Amino acid sequence: LVRQSGDYGWLGVEVFFVISGFVIPYSLHRARYRLRDFFMYLARRIVRLDPPYIAAIALILLLAAVSSLKSGRPFEVDAEPVGWARVLLHLGYLNIFTTYAWLNPAFWTLAIEMQYYLLMGLVFPLVIARTSVVRLTALGVMAAGSVLSEARFFPTEPPFSPFIPGFLCLFLLGILTFQFRGGLIRVAEYLPALVVVAVASVATLGRPSLDTASAGSPM
């Protein structure tokens, strides 16, 4: 049973995005965030995210260099040459938009997370607006934008998009839970909205097959 549970470890990415969808607006709400705080908020996010990220990059490069020196093989990571462009693009999470491979394939999740930070910093005032119409419209636009840009008629395999709309419905599950937890919406609003966003997430991410799950989907 323990071994079989590992077949679904790839779901950690989805769980990570849902949790982040809740935690970021929750922390902004507690800090009484305003748009004028955007750059300070972004700087704090970068300070929290980048040190372990940069440390991981440095460790990967060090191990690759040692391996190259000992084996006499080219300086490569995952059979791809290590050049300045490939490495420096990591500093802006930009590899996801280029043909340069990540030094660690899991780094793409941080690129999506950074896009979420940017988006939430801009739309947070709408998420906590006193008027329910404004709140629902903001979330509805984000959900509709996600479906319209990424839907593939309920595919069996999830897409791998370089942009946040492909995963935005997962973040919205967390955002809705924040609104409910913060008393911004009642259960009568929360549950139907949760169902709608869950269906939208199936439309954008699909329903992974057992073969995909057991093979270790990139999701």
C-alpha atoms as a PDB file:
ATOM      1  CA  LEU A   1       0.000   0.000   0.000  1.00  0.00           C
ATOM      2  CA  VAL A   2       2.847   2.383   0.800  1.00  0.00           C
ATOM      3  CA  ARG A   3       4.531   1.619  -2.505  1.00  0.00           C
ATOM      4  CA  GLN A   4       1.285   2.074  -4.423  1.00  0.00           C
ATOM      5  CA  SER A   5       0.666   5.421  -2.750  1.00  0.00           C
ATOM      6  CA  GLY A   6       3.871   6.655  -4.374  1.00  0.00           C
ATOM      7  CA  ASP A   7       2.251   6.263  -7.791  1.00  0.00           C
ATOM      8  CA  TYR A   8       0.269   9.397  -7.022  1.00  0.00           C
ATOM      9  CA  GLY A   9       3.154  11.501  -5.775  1.00  0.00           C
ATOM     10  CA  TRP A  10       2.879  13.651  -8.889  1.00  0.00           C
ATOM     11  CA  LEU A  11      -0.328  15.090  -7.407  1.00  0.00           C
ATOM     12  CA  GLY A  12       1.903  17.040  -5.022  1.00  0.00           C
ATOM     13  CA  VAL A  13       2.156  19.785  -7.644  1.00  0.00           C
ATOM     14  CA  GLU A  14      -1.621  20.214  -7.785  1.00  0.00           C
ATOM     15  CA  VAL A  15      -1.830  20.208  -3.983  1.00  0.00           C
ATOM     16  CA  PHE A  16       1.002  22.756  -3.809  1.00  0.00           C
ATOM     17  CA  PHE A  17      -0.865  25.143  -6.137  1.00  0.00           C
ATOM     18  CA  VAL A  18      -4.140  24.810  -4.204  1.00  0.00           C
ATOM     19  CA  ILE A  19      -2.399  25.470  -0.874  1.00  0.00           C
ATOM     20  CA  SER A  20      -0.595  28.459  -2.367  1.00  0.00           C
ATOM     21  CA  GLY A  21      -3.934  29.727  -3.661  1.00  0.00           C
ATOM     22  CA  PHE A  22      -5.087  29.910  -0.041  1.00  0.00           C
ATOM     23  CA  VAL A  23      -1.893  30.962   1.749  1.00  0.00           C
ATOM     24  CA  ILE A  24      -0.919  33.992  -0.369  1.00  0.00           C
ATOM     25  CA  PRO A  25      -4.228  35.916  -0.140  1.00  0.00           C
ATOM     26  CA  TYR A  26      -4.558  34.876   3.506  1.00  0.00           C
ATOM     27  CA  SER A  27      -1.162  36.392   4.332  1.00  0.00           C
ATOM     28  CA  LEU A  28      -1.929  39.518   2.288  1.00  0.00           C
ATOM     29  CA  HIS A  29      -5.232  39.937   4.101  1.00  0.00           C
ATOM     30  CA  ARG A  30      -3.560  39.678   7.496  1.00  0.00           C
ATOM     31  CA  ALA A  31      -0.932  42.215   6.418  1.00  0.00           C
ATOM     32  CA  ARG A  32      -3.665  44.647   5.239  1.00  0.00           C
ATOM     33  CA  TYR A  33      -2.118  44.683   1.773  1.00  0.00           C
ATOM     34  CA  ARG A  34      -2.766  47.558  -0.622  1.00  0.00           C
ATOM     35  CA  LEU A  35      -1.648  48.027  -4.216  1.00  0.00           C
ATOM     36  CA  ARG A  36       0.939  50.565  -3.077  1.00  0.00           C
ATOM     37  CA  ASP A  37       2.639  47.678  -1.247  1.00  0.00           C
ATOM     38  CA  PHE A  38       3.081  45.663  -4.459  1.00  0.00           C
ATOM     39  CA  PHE A  39       6.837  46.011  -4.877  1.00  0.00           C
ATOM     40  CA  MET A  40       7.557  45.402  -1.209  1.00  0.00           C
ATOM     41  CA  TYR A  41       5.310  42.345  -1.284  1.00  0.00           C
ATOM     42  CA  LEU A  42       7.064  41.041  -4.396  1.00  0.00           C
ATOM     43  CA  ALA A  43      10.484  41.615  -2.860  1.00  0.00           C
ATOM     44  CA  ARG A  44       9.470  39.622   0.214  1.00  0.00           C
ATOM     45  CA  ARG A  45       8.208  36.771  -1.944  1.00  0.00           C
ATOM     46  CA  ILE A  46      11.497  36.702  -3.854  1.00  0.00           C
ATOM     47  CA  VAL A  47      13.514  36.734  -0.630  1.00  0.00           C
ATOM     48  CA  ARG A  48      11.534  33.744   0.639  1.00  0.00           C
ATOM     49  CA  LEU A  49      11.635  31.792  -2.614  1.00  0.00           C
ATOM     50  CA  ASP A  50      15.041  32.477  -4.142  1.00  0.00           C
ATOM     51  CA  PRO A  51      17.657  31.488  -1.495  1.00  0.00           C
ATOM     52  CA  PRO A  52      16.867  27.729  -1.537  1.00  0.00           C
ATOM     53  CA  TYR A  53      16.290  27.931  -5.305  1.00  0.00           C
ATOM     54  CA  ILE A  54      19.686  29.520  -5.938  1.00  0.00           C
ATOM     55  CA  ALA A  55      21.323  27.097  -3.499  1.00  0.00           C
ATOM     56  CA  ALA A  56      19.821  24.182  -5.436  1.00  0.00           C
ATOM     57  CA  ILE A  57      21.110  25.629  -8.711  1.00  0.00           C
ATOM     58  CA  ALA A  58      24.608  26.037  -7.253  1.00  0.00           C
ATOM     59  CA  LEU A  59      24.587  22.458  -5.933  1.00  0.00           C
ATOM     60  CA  ILE A  60      23.478  21.057  -9.287  1.00  0.00           C
ATOM     61  CA  LEU A  61      26.237  22.962 -11.101  1.00  0.00           C
ATOM     62  CA  LEU A  62      28.835  21.860  -8.551  1.00  0.00           C
ATOM     63  CA  LEU A  63      27.888  18.195  -8.855  1.00  0.00           C
ATOM     64  CA  ALA A  64      27.839  18.448 -12.649  1.00  0.00           C
ATOM     65  CA  ALA A  65      31.297  20.063 -12.648  1.00  0.00           C
ATOM     66  CA  VAL A  66      32.744  17.389 -10.336  1.00  0.00           C
ATOM     67  CA  SER A  67      31.202  14.646 -12.461  1.00  0.00           C
ATOM     68  CA  SER A  68      32.644  16.212 -15.613  1.00  0.00           C
ATOM     69  CA  LEU A  69      36.141  16.487 -14.126  1.00  0.00           C
ATOM     70  CA  LYS A  70      36.161  12.920 -12.844  1.00  0.00           C
ATOM     71  CA  SER A  71      34.662  11.294 -15.934  1.00  0.00           C
ATOM     72  CA  GLY A  72      36.162  13.523 -18.616  1.00  0.00           C
ATOM     73  CA  ARG A  73      32.723  13.992 -20.116  1.00  0.00           C
ATOM     74  CA  PRO A  74      31.312  17.376 -21.203  1.00  0.00           C
ATOM     75  CA  PHE A  75      29.919  19.733 -18.569  1.00  0.00           C
ATOM     76  CA  GLU A  76      26.232  18.825 -18.898  1.00  0.00           C
ATOM     77  CA  VAL A  77      23.070  18.470 -16.834  1.00  0.00           C
ATOM     78  CA  ASP A  78      20.473  15.973 -18.042  1.00  0.00           C
ATOM     79  CA  ALA A  79      22.480  15.493 -21.248  1.00  0.00           C
ATOM     80  CA  GLU A  80      22.116  19.200 -22.086  1.00  0.00           C
ATOM     81  CA  PRO A  81      25.114  21.588 -22.283  1.00  0.00           C
ATOM     82  CA  VAL A  82      25.456  24.030 -19.394  1.00  0.00           C
ATOM     83  CA  GLY A  83      25.905  27.516 -20.842  1.00  0.00           C
ATOM     84  CA  TRP A  84      25.600  31.004 -19.413  1.00  0.00           C
ATOM     85  CA  ALA A  85      22.238  31.616 -21.071  1.00  0.00           C
ATOM     86  CA  ARG A  86      20.744  28.418 -19.692  1.00  0.00           C
ATOM     87  CA  VAL A  87      21.914  29.214 -16.167  1.00  0.00           C
ATOM     88  CA  LEU A  88      21.130  32.945 -16.061  1.00  0.00           C
ATOM     89  CA  LEU A  89      17.593  32.472 -17.374  1.00  0.00           C
ATOM     90  CA  HIS A  90      16.867  30.645 -14.118  1.00  0.00           C
ATOM     91  CA  LEU A  91      17.248  33.913 -12.197  1.00  0.00           C
ATOM     92  CA  GLY A  92      14.081  35.248 -13.793  1.00  0.00           C
ATOM     93  CA  TYR A  93      12.311  31.885 -14.037  1.00  0.00           C
ATOM     94  CA  LEU A  94      12.450  32.416 -17.781  1.00  0.00           C
ATOM     95  CA  ASN A  95      13.524  28.987 -19.005  1.00  0.00           C
ATOM     96  CA  ILE A  96       9.860  28.037 -19.170  1.00  0.00           C
ATOM     97  CA  PHE A  97       9.414  30.495 -22.058  1.00  0.00           C
ATOM     98  CA  THR A  98      12.518  29.373 -23.982  1.00  0.00           C
ATOM     99  CA  THR A  99      14.077  26.254 -25.439  1.00  0.00           C
ATOM    100  CA  TYR A 100      16.717  26.175 -22.695  1.00  0.00           C
ATOM    101  CA  ALA A 101      16.161  23.246 -20.344  1.00  0.00           C
ATOM    102  CA  TRP A 102      15.826  23.668 -16.602  1.00  0.00           C
ATOM    103  CA  LEU A 103      18.729  22.413 -14.518  1.00  0.00           C
ATOM    104  CA  ASN A 104      16.067  20.565 -12.522  1.00  0.00           C
ATOM    105  CA  PRO A 105      12.771  19.734 -14.290  1.00  0.00           C
ATOM    106  CA  ALA A 106      10.816  20.547 -11.113  1.00  0.00           C
ATOM    107  CA  PHE A 107      11.817  24.215 -11.345  1.00  0.00           C
ATOM    108  CA  TRP A 108       8.955  24.888 -13.774  1.00  0.00           C
ATOM    109  CA  THR A 109       6.581  24.842 -10.802  1.00  0.00           C
ATOM    110  CA  LEU A 110       8.407  27.834  -9.317  1.00  0.00           C
ATOM    111  CA  ALA A 111       7.945  29.732 -12.582  1.00  0.00           C
ATOM    112  CA  ILE A 112       4.181  29.187 -12.361  1.00  0.00           C
ATOM    113  CA  GLU A 113       4.248  30.148  -8.682  1.00  0.00           C
ATOM    114  CA  MET A 114       6.024  33.419  -9.461  1.00  0.00           C
ATOM    115  CA  GLN A 115       3.366  34.249 -12.055  1.00  0.00           C
ATOM    116  CA  TYR A 116       0.749  33.652  -9.370  1.00  0.00           C
ATOM    117  CA  TYR A 117       2.539  36.032  -7.003  1.00  0.00           C
ATOM    118  CA  LEU A 118       2.451  38.735  -9.667  1.00  0.00           C
ATOM    119  CA  LEU A 119      -1.209  38.125 -10.467  1.00  0.00           C
ATOM    120  CA  MET A 120      -2.345  38.036  -6.843  1.00  0.00           C
ATOM    121  CA  GLY A 121      -0.460  41.231  -6.032  1.00  0.00           C
ATOM    122  CA  LEU A 122      -2.493  42.989  -8.710  1.00  0.00           C
ATOM    123  CA  VAL A 123      -5.969  41.480  -8.270  1.00  0.00           C
ATOM    124  CA  PHE A 124      -6.046  41.013  -4.489  1.00  0.00           C
ATOM    125  CA  PRO A 125      -8.140  44.185  -3.896  1.00  0.00           C
ATOM    126  CA  LEU A 126     -10.818  42.629  -6.130  1.00  0.00           C
ATOM    127  CA  VAL A 127     -10.623  39.298  -4.295  1.00  0.00           C
ATOM    128  CA  ILE A 128     -11.478  40.983  -0.982  1.00  0.00           C
ATOM    129  CA  ALA A 129     -13.828  43.660  -2.346  1.00  0.00           C
ATOM    130  CA  ARG A 130     -16.789  44.401  -0.085  1.00  0.00           C
ATOM    131  CA  THR A 131     -19.207  44.065  -2.983  1.00  0.00           C
ATOM    132  CA  SER A 132     -19.953  40.412  -3.700  1.00  0.00           C
ATOM    133  CA  VAL A 133     -20.539  41.166  -7.378  1.00  0.00           C
ATOM    134  CA  VAL A 134     -16.987  42.467  -7.705  1.00  0.00           C
ATOM    135  CA  ARG A 135     -15.520  39.433  -5.941  1.00  0.00           C
ATOM    136  CA  LEU A 136     -17.503  36.917  -7.965  1.00  0.00           C
ATOM    137  CA  THR A 137     -16.820  38.758 -11.217  1.00  0.00           C
ATOM    138  CA  ALA A 138     -13.078  38.774 -10.553  1.00  0.00           C
ATOM    139  CA  LEU A 139     -12.986  35.044  -9.857  1.00  0.00           C
ATOM    140  CA  GLY A 140     -15.377  34.338 -12.721  1.00  0.00           C
ATOM    141  CA  VAL A 141     -13.174  36.211 -15.183  1.00  0.00           C
ATOM    142  CA  MET A 142     -10.114  34.284 -14.012  1.00  0.00           C
ATOM    143  CA  ALA A 143     -11.903  30.929 -14.285  1.00  0.00           C
ATOM    144  CA  ALA A 144     -13.379  31.772 -17.691  1.00  0.00           C
ATOM    145  CA  GLY A 145     -10.024  33.022 -18.941  1.00  0.00           C
ATOM    146  CA  SER A 146      -8.415  29.782 -17.821  1.00  0.00           C
ATOM    147  CA  VAL A 147     -10.996  27.608 -19.573  1.00  0.00           C
ATOM    148  CA  LEU A 148     -11.038  29.664 -22.779  1.00  0.00           C
ATOM    149  CA  SER A 149      -7.252  29.721 -23.070  1.00  0.00           C
ATOM    150  CA  GLU A 150      -6.468  26.181 -21.960  1.00  0.00           C
ATOM    151  CA  ALA A 151      -9.522  23.923 -22.300  1.00  0.00           C
ATOM    152  CA  ARG A 152      -9.022  20.906 -24.520  1.00  0.00           C
ATOM    153  CA  PHE A 153     -12.452  19.321 -24.212  1.00  0.00           C
ATOM    154  CA  PHE A 154     -11.689  17.252 -21.137  1.00  0.00           C
ATOM    155  CA  PRO A 155      -8.402  15.653 -22.241  1.00  0.00           C
ATOM    156  CA  THR A 156      -7.087  12.479 -20.638  1.00  0.00           C
ATOM    157  CA  GLU A 157      -3.608  13.925 -20.158  1.00  0.00           C
ATOM    158  CA  PRO A 158      -2.871  17.274 -18.507  1.00  0.00           C
ATOM    159  CA  PRO A 159      -1.259  20.075 -20.525  1.00  0.00           C
ATOM    160  CA  PHE A 160       2.093  21.558 -19.685  1.00  0.00           C
ATOM    161  CA  SER A 161       1.576  25.277 -20.140  1.00  0.00           C
ATOM    162  CA  PRO A 162       4.254  27.916 -19.555  1.00  0.00           C
ATOM    163  CA  PHE A 163       1.575  30.368 -18.430  1.00  0.00           C
ATOM    164  CA  ILE A 164      -0.527  30.437 -15.280  1.00  0.00           C
ATOM    165  CA  PRO A 165      -3.986  30.133 -16.962  1.00  0.00           C
ATOM    166  CA  GLY A 166      -3.321  26.428 -17.441  1.00  0.00           C
ATOM    167  CA  PHE A 167      -3.210  25.982 -13.670  1.00  0.00           C
ATOM    168  CA  LEU A 168      -5.247  28.954 -12.469  1.00  0.00           C
ATOM    169  CA  CYS A 169      -8.306  26.912 -11.494  1.00  0.00           C
ATOM    170  CA  LEU A 170      -6.187  25.050  -8.935  1.00  0.00           C
ATOM    171  CA  PHE A 171      -5.176  28.358  -7.364  1.00  0.00           C
ATOM    172  CA  LEU A 172      -8.826  29.447  -7.453  1.00  0.00           C
ATOM    173  CA  LEU A 173      -9.789  26.493  -5.263  1.00  0.00           C
ATOM    174  CA  GLY A 174      -7.466  27.916  -2.633  1.00  0.00           C
ATOM    175  CA  ILE A 175      -8.640  31.494  -3.179  1.00  0.00           C
ATOM    176  CA  LEU A 176     -12.271  30.484  -2.693  1.00  0.00           C
ATOM    177  CA  THR A 177     -11.343  28.673   0.501  1.00  0.00           C
ATOM    178  CA  PHE A 178      -9.580  31.814   1.722  1.00  0.00           C
ATOM    179  CA  GLN A 179     -12.692  33.860   1.031  1.00  0.00           C
ATOM    180  CA  PHE A 180     -14.816  31.373   2.960  1.00  0.00           C
ATOM    181  CA  ARG A 181     -12.340  31.120   5.824  1.00  0.00           C
ATOM    182  CA  GLY A 182     -12.093  34.911   5.992  1.00  0.00           C
ATOM    183  CA  GLY A 183     -15.860  35.356   6.136  1.00  0.00           C
ATOM    184  CA  LEU A 184     -16.050  37.063   2.750  1.00  0.00           C
ATOM    185  CA  ILE A 185     -18.443  34.464   1.351  1.00  0.00           C
ATOM    186  CA  ARG A 186     -20.955  32.122   2.970  1.00  0.00           C
ATOM    187  CA  VAL A 187     -21.218  28.395   2.539  1.00  0.00           C
ATOM    188  CA  ALA A 188     -24.146  28.903   0.135  1.00  0.00           C
ATOM    189  CA  GLU A 189     -21.762  30.779  -2.196  1.00  0.00           C
ATOM    190  CA  TYR A 190     -18.639  28.790  -1.413  1.00  0.00           C
ATOM    191  CA  LEU A 191     -19.825  25.273  -2.241  1.00  0.00           C
ATOM    192  CA  PRO A 192     -21.414  26.021  -5.667  1.00  0.00           C
ATOM    193  CA  ALA A 193     -18.395  28.128  -6.666  1.00  0.00           C
ATOM    194  CA  LEU A 194     -16.093  25.327  -5.554  1.00  0.00           C
ATOM    195  CA  VAL A 195     -17.950  22.839  -7.755  1.00  0.00           C
ATOM    196  CA  VAL A 196     -17.830  25.180 -10.770  1.00  0.00           C
ATOM    197  CA  VAL A 197     -14.085  25.774 -10.383  1.00  0.00           C
ATOM    198  CA  ALA A 198     -13.458  22.058  -9.862  1.00  0.00           C
ATOM    199  CA  VAL A 199     -15.261  21.282 -13.128  1.00  0.00           C
ATOM    200  CA  ALA A 200     -13.293  24.061 -14.832  1.00  0.00           C
ATOM    201  CA  SER A 201     -10.064  22.543 -13.533  1.00  0.00           C
ATOM    202  CA  VAL A 202     -10.999  19.248 -15.200  1.00  0.00           C
ATOM    203  CA  ALA A 203     -11.602  21.146 -18.431  1.00  0.00           C
ATOM    204  CA  THR A 204      -8.171  22.760 -18.286  1.00  0.00           C
ATOM    205  CA  LEU A 205      -6.056  20.039 -16.682  1.00  0.00           C
ATOM    206  CA  GLY A 206      -7.928  16.939 -17.753  1.00  0.00           C
ATOM    207  CA  ARG A 207      -8.390  13.637 -15.990  1.00  0.00           C
ATOM    208  CA  PRO A 208      -5.016  11.869 -15.954  1.00  0.00           C
ATOM    209  CA  SER A 209      -5.213   8.204 -16.889  1.00  0.00           C
ATOM    210  CA  LEU A 210      -3.859   5.468 -14.645  1.00  0.00           C
ATOM    211  CA  ASP A 211      -1.111   4.869 -17.192  1.00  0.00           C
ATOM    212  CA  THR A 212      -0.019   8.502 -16.963  1.00  0.00           C
ATOM    213  CA  ALA A 213      -0.115   8.437 -13.169  1.00  0.00           C
ATOM    214  CA  SER A 214       1.866   5.255 -12.787  1.00  0.00           C
ATOM    215  CA  ALA A 215       4.425   6.429 -15.339  1.00  0.00           C
ATOM    216  CA  GLY A 216       5.077   9.583 -13.351  1.00  0.00           C
ATOM    217  CA  SER A 217       3.360  12.468 -15.107  1.00  0.00           C
ATOM    218  CA  PRO A 218       5.293  15.789 -15.250  1.00  0.00           C
ATOM    219  CA  MET A 219       2.335  17.243 -13.367  1.00  0.00           C
END
